[in-house]
PDB file of N, CA and C in Angstrom:
ATOM      1  N   MET A   1     259.803 -18.792 126.516  1.00  0.00           N
ATOM      2  CA  MET A   1     260.263 -17.428 126.512  1.00  0.00           C
ATOM      3  C   MET A   1     260.272 -16.869 127.927  1.00  0.00           C
ATOM      4  N   ASN A   2     261.210 -16.012 128.182  1.00  0.00           N
ATOM      5  CA  ASN A   2     261.278 -15.344 129.479  1.00  0.00           C
ATOM      6  C   ASN A   2     260.589 -14.000 129.373  1.00  0.00           C
ATOM      7  N   ASN A   3     259.493 -13.878 130.081  1.00  0.00           N
ATOM      8  CA  ASN A   3     258.783 -12.601 130.110  1.00  0.00           C
ATOM      9  C   ASN A   3     259.273 -11.787 131.296  1.00  0.00           C
ATOM     10  N   PRO A   4     259.552 -10.503 131.075  1.00  0.00           N
ATOM     11  CA  PRO A   4     259.971  -9.683 132.211  1.00  0.00           C
ATOM     12  C   PRO A   4     258.803  -9.499 133.180  1.00  0.00           C
ATOM     13  N   LYS A   5     259.139  -9.375 134.449  1.00  0.00           N
ATOM     14  CA  LYS A   5     258.098  -9.174 135.458  1.00  0.00           C
ATOM     15  C   LYS A   5     257.464  -7.801 135.297  1.00  0.00           C
ATOM     16  N   THR A   6     256.193  -7.774 135.476  1.00  0.00           N
ATOM     17  CA  THR A   6     255.481  -6.507 135.448  1.00  0.00           C
ATOM     18  C   THR A   6     255.018  -6.174 136.854  1.00  0.00           C
ATOM     19  N   ILE A   7     254.441  -5.025 136.999  1.00  0.00           N
ATOM     20  CA  ILE A   7     253.975  -4.589 138.309  1.00  0.00           C
ATOM     21  C   ILE A   7     252.856  -5.492 138.805  1.00  0.00           C
ATOM     22  N   THR A   8     252.057  -6.018 137.891  1.00  0.00           N
ATOM     23  CA  THR A   8     250.938  -6.861 138.304  1.00  0.00           C
ATOM     24  C   THR A   8     251.415  -8.223 138.798  1.00  0.00           C
ATOM     25  N   ASP A   9     252.649  -8.626 138.488  1.00  0.00           N
ATOM     26  CA  ASP A   9     253.170  -9.901 138.948  1.00  0.00           C
ATOM     27  C   ASP A   9     253.612  -9.864 140.407  1.00  0.00           C
ATOM     28  N   THR A  10     253.822  -8.665 140.954  1.00  0.00           N
ATOM     29  CA  THR A  10     254.263  -8.581 142.334  1.00  0.00           C
ATOM     30  C   THR A  10     253.090  -8.829 143.263  1.00  0.00           C
ATOM     31  N   PRO A  11     253.324  -9.523 144.371  1.00  0.00           N
ATOM     32  CA  PRO A  11     252.218  -9.831 145.267  1.00  0.00           C
ATOM     33  C   PRO A  11     251.728  -8.581 145.991  1.00  0.00           C
ATOM     34  N   CYS A  12     250.455  -8.566 146.278  1.00  0.00           N
ATOM     35  CA  CYS A  12     249.855  -7.449 147.004  1.00  0.00           C
ATOM     36  C   CYS A  12     249.824  -7.802 148.478  1.00  0.00           C
ATOM     37  N   TYR A  13     250.394  -6.956 149.289  1.00  0.00           N
ATOM     38  CA  TYR A  13     250.456  -7.205 150.725  1.00  0.00           C
ATOM     39  C   TYR A  13     249.302  -6.499 151.411  1.00  0.00           C
ATOM     40  N   PRO A  14     248.695  -7.141 152.408  1.00  0.00           N
ATOM     41  CA  PRO A  14     247.599  -6.483 153.119  1.00  0.00           C
ATOM     42  C   PRO A  14     248.113  -5.304 153.928  1.00  0.00           C
ATOM     43  N   GLY A  15     247.321  -4.247 153.962  1.00  0.00           N
ATOM     44  CA  GLY A  15     247.689  -3.064 154.727  1.00  0.00           C
ATOM     45  C   GLY A  15     248.511  -2.054 153.968  1.00  0.00           C
ATOM     46  N   VAL A  16     248.877  -2.345 152.713  1.00  0.00           N
ATOM     47  CA  VAL A  16     249.691  -1.411 151.947  1.00  0.00           C
ATOM     48  C   VAL A  16     248.885  -0.163 151.616  1.00  0.00           C
ATOM     49  N   ALA A  17     247.611  -0.314 151.294  1.00  0.00           N
ATOM     50  CA  ALA A  17     246.770   0.834 150.955  1.00  0.00           C
ATOM     51  C   ALA A  17     246.578   1.742 152.163  1.00  0.00           C
ATOM     52  N   GLU A  18     246.613   1.180 153.370  1.00  0.00           N
ATOM     53  CA  GLU A  18     246.447   1.994 154.565  1.00  0.00           C
ATOM     54  C   GLU A  18     247.660   2.876 154.819  1.00  0.00           C
ATOM     55  N   VAL A  19     248.827   2.438 154.388  1.00  0.00           N
ATOM     56  CA  VAL A  19     250.055   3.191 154.622  1.00  0.00           C
ATOM     57  C   VAL A  19     250.133   4.401 153.696  1.00  0.00           C
ATOM     58  N   ASN A  20     249.615   4.297 152.490  1.00  0.00           N
ATOM     59  CA  ASN A  20     249.707   5.368 151.505  1.00  0.00           C
ATOM     60  C   ASN A  20     248.617   6.399 151.736  1.00  0.00           C
ATOM     61  N   THR A  21     248.769   7.237 152.735  1.00  0.00           N
ATOM     62  CA  THR A  21     247.836   8.321 152.969  1.00  0.00           C
ATOM     63  C   THR A  21     248.331   9.561 152.258  1.00  0.00           C
ATOM     64  N   SER A  22     247.501  10.590 152.208  1.00  0.00           N
ATOM     65  CA  SER A  22     247.904  11.804 151.503  1.00  0.00           C
ATOM     66  C   SER A  22     249.076  12.481 152.192  1.00  0.00           C
ATOM     67  N   ALA A  23     249.195  12.343 153.503  1.00  0.00           N
ATOM     68  CA  ALA A  23     250.310  12.973 154.209  1.00  0.00           C
ATOM     69  C   ALA A  23     251.640  12.353 153.802  1.00  0.00           C
ATOM     70  N   THR A  24     251.683  11.035 153.605  1.00  0.00           N
ATOM     71  CA  THR A  24     252.941  10.412 153.216  1.00  0.00           C
ATOM     72  C   THR A  24     253.291  10.723 151.769  1.00  0.00           C
ATOM     73  N   LEU A  25     252.313  11.000 150.961  1.00  0.00           N
ATOM     74  CA  LEU A  25     252.603  11.354 149.573  1.00  0.00           C
ATOM     75  C   LEU A  25     253.304  12.695 149.473  1.00  0.00           C
ATOM     76  N   PHE A  26     253.020  13.603 150.405  1.00  0.00           N
ATOM     77  CA  PHE A  26     253.602  14.933 150.346  1.00  0.00           C
ATOM     78  C   PHE A  26     254.915  15.039 151.098  1.00  0.00           C
ATOM     79  N   ASP A  27     255.343  13.986 151.782  1.00  0.00           N
ATOM     80  CA  ASP A  27     256.593  14.042 152.523  1.00  0.00           C
ATOM     81  C   ASP A  27     257.794  14.191 151.597  1.00  0.00           C
ATOM     82  N   ASN A  28     257.715  13.679 150.400  1.00  0.00           N
ATOM     83  CA  ASN A  28     258.846  13.724 149.474  1.00  0.00           C
ATOM     84  C   ASN A  28     258.838  14.971 148.598  1.00  0.00           C
ATOM     85  N   HIS A  29     257.803  15.782 148.692  1.00  0.00           N
ATOM     86  CA  HIS A  29     257.692  16.966 147.854  1.00  0.00           C
ATOM     87  C   HIS A  29     258.041  18.218 148.657  1.00  0.00           C
ATOM     88  N   LYS A  30     258.742  19.117 148.007  1.00  0.00           N
ATOM     89  CA  LYS A  30     259.029  20.398 148.636  1.00  0.00           C
ATOM     90  C   LYS A  30     258.026  21.444 148.157  1.00  0.00           C
ATOM     91  N   TRP A  31     257.599  21.350 146.903  1.00  0.00           N
ATOM     92  CA  TRP A  31     256.638  22.281 146.323  1.00  0.00           C
ATOM     93  C   TRP A  31     255.465  21.491 145.764  1.00  0.00           C
ATOM     94  N   VAL A  32     254.266  22.044 145.876  1.00  0.00           N
ATOM     95  CA  VAL A  32     253.072  21.433 145.283  1.00  0.00           C
ATOM     96  C   VAL A  32     252.295  22.510 144.545  1.00  0.00           C
ATOM     97  N   ASP A  33     251.491  22.084 143.586  1.00  0.00           N
ATOM     98  CA  ASP A  33     250.676  23.023 142.838  1.00  0.00           C
ATOM     99  C   ASP A  33     249.377  23.292 143.598  1.00  0.00           C
ATOM    100  N   THR A  34     248.493  24.062 142.992  1.00  0.00           N
ATOM    101  CA  THR A  34     247.260  24.478 143.655  1.00  0.00           C
ATOM    102  C   THR A  34     246.376  23.290 144.003  1.00  0.00           C
ATOM    103  N   LYS A  35     246.227  22.375 143.094  1.00  0.00           N
ATOM    104  CA  LYS A  35     245.374  21.219 143.334  1.00  0.00           C
ATOM    105  C   LYS A  35     245.934  20.346 144.452  1.00  0.00           C
ATOM    106  N   GLY A  36     247.246  20.141 144.444  1.00  0.00           N
ATOM    107  CA  GLY A  36     247.874  19.348 145.483  1.00  0.00           C
ATOM    108  C   GLY A  36     247.799  20.020 146.851  1.00  0.00           C
ATOM    109  N   ALA A  37     247.976  21.340 146.880  1.00  0.00           N
ATOM    110  CA  ALA A  37     247.901  22.068 148.148  1.00  0.00           C
ATOM    111  C   ALA A  37     246.483  22.050 148.701  1.00  0.00           C
ATOM    112  N   ALA A  38     245.499  22.177 147.823  1.00  0.00           N
ATOM    113  CA  ALA A  38     244.105  22.157 148.273  1.00  0.00           C
ATOM    114  C   ALA A  38     243.737  20.789 148.842  1.00  0.00           C
ATOM    115  N   SER A  39     244.184  19.732 148.202  1.00  0.00           N
ATOM    116  CA  SER A  39     243.883  18.404 148.727  1.00  0.00           C
ATOM    117  C   SER A  39     244.643  18.142 150.020  1.00  0.00           C
ATOM    118  N   TYR A  40     245.843  18.686 150.162  1.00  0.00           N
ATOM    119  CA  TYR A  40     246.623  18.525 151.388  1.00  0.00           C
ATOM    120  C   TYR A  40     245.952  19.249 152.555  1.00  0.00           C
ATOM    121  N   LEU A  41     245.419  20.447 152.293  1.00  0.00           N
ATOM    122  CA  LEU A  41     244.733  21.216 153.328  1.00  0.00           C
ATOM    123  C   LEU A  41     243.278  20.796 153.505  1.00  0.00           C
ATOM    124  N   LYS A  42     242.797  19.942 152.595  1.00  0.00           N
ATOM    125  CA  LYS A  42     241.410  19.449 152.611  1.00  0.00           C
ATOM    126  C   LYS A  42     240.405  20.591 152.478  1.00  0.00           C
ATOM    127  N   ILE A  43     240.716  21.490 151.529  1.00  0.00           N
ATOM    128  CA  ILE A  43     239.805  22.566 151.178  1.00  0.00           C
ATOM    129  C   ILE A  43     239.673  22.580 149.663  1.00  0.00           C
ATOM    130  N   SER A  44     238.749  23.362 149.155  1.00  0.00           N
ATOM    131  CA  SER A  44     238.570  23.426 147.708  1.00  0.00           C
ATOM    132  C   SER A  44     239.642  24.326 147.090  1.00  0.00           C
ATOM    133  N   VAL A  45     239.812  24.187 145.792  1.00  0.00           N
ATOM    134  CA  VAL A  45     240.788  25.002 145.064  1.00  0.00           C
ATOM    135  C   VAL A  45     240.376  26.468 145.121  1.00  0.00           C
ATOM    136  N   GLY A  46     239.083  26.730 145.019  1.00  0.00           N
ATOM    137  CA  GLY A  46     238.583  28.108 145.094  1.00  0.00           C
ATOM    138  C   GLY A  46     238.860  28.745 146.445  1.00  0.00           C
ATOM    139  N   SER A  47     238.695  27.982 147.516  1.00  0.00           N
ATOM    140  CA  SER A  47     238.990  28.506 148.855  1.00  0.00           C
ATOM    141  C   SER A  47     240.470  28.812 149.004  1.00  0.00           C
ATOM    142  N   LEU A  48     241.299  27.972 148.422  1.00  0.00           N
ATOM    143  CA  LEU A  48     242.744  28.215 148.481  1.00  0.00           C
ATOM    144  C   LEU A  48     243.110  29.462 147.697  1.00  0.00           C
ATOM    145  N   ARG A  49     242.517  29.634 146.542  1.00  0.00           N
ATOM    146  CA  ARG A  49     242.798  30.841 145.750  1.00  0.00           C
ATOM    147  C   ARG A  49     242.315  32.106 146.467  1.00  0.00           C
ATOM    148  N   ASN A  50     241.173  32.023 147.153  1.00  0.00           N
ATOM    149  CA  ASN A  50     240.706  33.165 147.938  1.00  0.00           C
ATOM    150  C   ASN A  50     241.668  33.473 149.077  1.00  0.00           C
ATOM    151  N   ALA A  51     242.225  32.452 149.719  1.00  0.00           N
ATOM    152  CA  ALA A  51     243.182  32.659 150.796  1.00  0.00           C
ATOM    153  C   ALA A  51     244.464  33.302 150.265  1.00  0.00           C
ATOM    154  N   VAL A  52     244.873  32.942 149.058  1.00  0.00           N
ATOM    155  CA  VAL A  52     246.046  33.567 148.446  1.00  0.00           C
ATOM    156  C   VAL A  52     245.751  35.029 148.142  1.00  0.00           C
ATOM    157  N   TYR A  53     244.554  35.315 147.641  1.00  0.00           N
ATOM    158  CA  TYR A  53     244.159  36.690 147.323  1.00  0.00           C
ATOM    159  C   TYR A  53     244.125  37.552 148.586  1.00  0.00           C
ATOM    160  N   ARG A  54     243.683  36.963 149.693  1.00  0.00           N
ATOM    161  CA  ARG A  54     243.613  37.692 150.969  1.00  0.00           C
ATOM    162  C   ARG A  54     244.946  37.705 151.711  1.00  0.00           C
ATOM    163  N   LYS A  55     245.966  37.118 151.095  1.00  0.00           N
ATOM    164  CA  LYS A  55     247.328  37.048 151.645  1.00  0.00           C
ATOM    165  C   LYS A  55     247.372  36.269 152.958  1.00  0.00           C
ATOM    166  N   GLN A  56     246.507  35.246 153.064  1.00  0.00           N
ATOM    167  CA  GLN A  56     246.550  34.351 154.206  1.00  0.00           C
ATOM    168  C   GLN A  56     247.499  33.186 153.944  1.00  0.00           C
ATOM    169  N   VAL A  57     247.759  32.923 152.661  1.00  0.00           N
ATOM    170  CA  VAL A  57     248.645  31.845 152.249  1.00  0.00           C
ATOM    171  C   VAL A  57     249.666  32.428 151.288  1.00  0.00           C
ATOM    172  N   ILE A  58     250.922  32.065 151.464  1.00  0.00           N
ATOM    173  CA  ILE A  58     251.985  32.538 150.582  1.00  0.00           C
ATOM    174  C   ILE A  58     252.114  31.576 149.415  1.00  0.00           C
ATOM    175  N   ALA A  59     252.051  32.112 148.210  1.00  0.00           N
ATOM    176  CA  ALA A  59     252.188  31.306 146.998  1.00  0.00           C
ATOM    177  C   ALA A  59     253.217  31.961 146.088  1.00  0.00           C
ATOM    178  N   ARG A  60     253.870  31.136 145.291  1.00  0.00           N
ATOM    179  CA  ARG A  60     254.796  31.637 144.275  1.00  0.00           C
ATOM    180  C   ARG A  60     254.221  31.307 142.916  1.00  0.00           C
ATOM    181  N   LYS A  61     254.400  32.226 141.995  1.00  0.00           N
ATOM    182  CA  LYS A  61     253.877  32.032 140.647  1.00  0.00           C
ATOM    183  C   LYS A  61     255.027  31.737 139.705  1.00  0.00           C
ATOM    184  N   PHE A  62     254.871  30.674 138.922  1.00  0.00           N
ATOM    185  CA  PHE A  62     255.864  30.305 137.929  1.00  0.00           C
ATOM    186  C   PHE A  62     255.127  29.792 136.705  1.00  0.00           C
ATOM    187  N   ARG A  63     255.347  30.442 135.592  1.00  0.00           N
ATOM    188  CA  ARG A  63     254.699  30.080 134.331  1.00  0.00           C
ATOM    189  C   ARG A  63     253.186  29.963 134.476  1.00  0.00           C
ATOM    190  N   ARG A  64     252.595  31.000 135.014  1.00  0.00           N
ATOM    191  CA  ARG A  64     251.144  31.147 135.152  1.00  0.00           C
ATOM    192  C   ARG A  64     250.506  30.128 136.097  1.00  0.00           C
ATOM    193  N   ARG A  65     251.289  29.512 136.959  1.00  0.00           N
ATOM    194  CA  ARG A  65     250.754  28.561 137.942  1.00  0.00           C
ATOM    195  C   ARG A  65     251.224  28.948 139.336  1.00  0.00           C
ATOM    196  N   LEU A  66     250.396  28.639 140.308  1.00  0.00           N
ATOM    197  CA  LEU A  66     250.747  28.901 141.692  1.00  0.00           C
ATOM    198  C   LEU A  66     251.363  27.652 142.313  1.00  0.00           C
ATOM    199  N   TYR A  67     252.417  27.857 143.083  1.00  0.00           N
ATOM    200  CA  TYR A  67     253.076  26.771 143.781  1.00  0.00           C
ATOM    201  C   TYR A  67     253.215  27.134 145.256  1.00  0.00           C
ATOM    202  N   PHE A  68     253.133  26.116 146.103  1.00  0.00           N
ATOM    203  CA  PHE A  68     253.157  26.305 147.534  1.00  0.00           C
ATOM    204  C   PHE A  68     254.221  25.402 148.139  1.00  0.00           C
ATOM    205  N   LYS A  69     254.917  25.911 149.156  1.00  0.00           N
ATOM    206  CA  LYS A  69     255.887  25.100 149.885  1.00  0.00           C
ATOM    207  C   LYS A  69     255.132  24.241 150.889  1.00  0.00           C
ATOM    208  N   VAL A  70     255.462  22.969 150.940  1.00  0.00           N
ATOM    209  CA  VAL A  70     254.792  22.055 151.869  1.00  0.00           C
ATOM    210  C   VAL A  70     255.098  22.461 153.310  1.00  0.00           C
ATOM    211  N   SER A  71     256.295  22.950 153.574  1.00  0.00           N
ATOM    212  CA  SER A  71     256.638  23.373 154.941  1.00  0.00           C
ATOM    213  C   SER A  71     255.759  24.538 155.395  1.00  0.00           C
ATOM    214  N   GLU A  72     255.414  25.454 154.475  1.00  0.00           N
ATOM    215  CA  GLU A  72     254.526  26.563 154.828  1.00  0.00           C
ATOM    216  C   GLU A  72     253.095  26.079 155.033  1.00  0.00           C
ATOM    217  N   LEU A  73     252.684  25.091 154.271  1.00  0.00           N
ATOM    218  CA  LEU A  73     251.351  24.525 154.471  1.00  0.00           C
ATOM    219  C   LEU A  73     251.274  23.821 155.822  1.00  0.00           C
ATOM    220  N   ASN A  74     252.353  23.143 156.209  1.00  0.00           N
ATOM    221  CA  ASN A  74     252.395  22.513 157.531  1.00  0.00           C
ATOM    222  C   ASN A  74     252.320  23.559 158.638  1.00  0.00           C
ATOM    223  N   ARG A  75     253.012  24.677 158.434  1.00  0.00           N
ATOM    224  CA  ARG A  75     252.973  25.760 159.420  1.00  0.00           C
ATOM    225  C   ARG A  75     251.560  26.310 159.546  1.00  0.00           C
ATOM    226  N   LEU A  76     250.857  26.440 158.431  1.00  0.00           N
ATOM    227  CA  LEU A  76     249.479  26.919 158.466  1.00  0.00           C
ATOM    228  C   LEU A  76     248.578  25.964 159.243  1.00  0.00           C
ATOM    229  N   LEU A  77     248.782  24.675 159.035  1.00  0.00           N
ATOM    230  CA  LEU A  77     247.970  23.701 159.743  1.00  0.00           C
ATOM    231  C   LEU A  77     248.286  23.701 161.249  1.00  0.00           C
ATOM    232  N   GLU A  78     249.557  23.864 161.594  1.00  0.00           N
ATOM    233  CA  GLU A  78     249.929  23.868 163.001  1.00  0.00           C
ATOM    234  C   GLU A  78     249.414  25.105 163.706  1.00  0.00           C
ATOM    235  N   ASN A  79     249.450  26.246 163.042  1.00  0.00           N
ATOM    236  CA  ASN A  79     249.012  27.507 163.656  1.00  0.00           C
ATOM    237  C   ASN A  79     247.514  27.749 163.469  1.00  0.00           C
ATOM    238  N   SER A  80     246.877  27.012 162.601  1.00  0.00           N
ATOM    239  CA  SER A  80     245.451  27.150 162.308  1.00  0.00           C
ATOM    240  C   SER A  80     245.082  28.570 161.886  1.00  0.00           C
ATOM    241  N   THR A  81     245.944  29.203 161.082  1.00  0.00           N
ATOM    242  CA  THR A  81     245.641  30.544 160.627  1.00  0.00           C
ATOM    243  C   THR A  81     244.724  30.546 159.416  1.00  0.00           C
ATOM    244  N   LEU A  82     244.722  29.476 158.661  1.00  0.00           N
ATOM    245  CA  LEU A  82     243.900  29.428 157.457  1.00  0.00           C
ATOM    246  C   LEU A  82     242.491  28.980 157.779  1.00  0.00           C
ATOM    247  N   LEU A  83     242.350  27.977 158.600  1.00  0.00           N
ATOM    248  CA  LEU A  83     241.051  27.413 158.878  1.00  0.00           C
ATOM    249  C   LEU A  83     240.499  28.062 160.079  1.00  0.00           C
TER     250      LEU A  83
END
């Protein structure tokens, strides 16, 4: 019988885990949720929510959830206004 290839059949290349950092994961996203934004900024979710309350971070609300633009998070990191 011919079994279709699965993900586990593909060879594992050394150094692949080093390439997949959190910064590369967010390159393809335009919007992230609260948990994703907090991990991207390397702060807690509570600290991020406090920053939104103090209007230090711009967030959009959609269906009772907060969403953040990755470009604005990058601007915050470059200007160091949040930290």
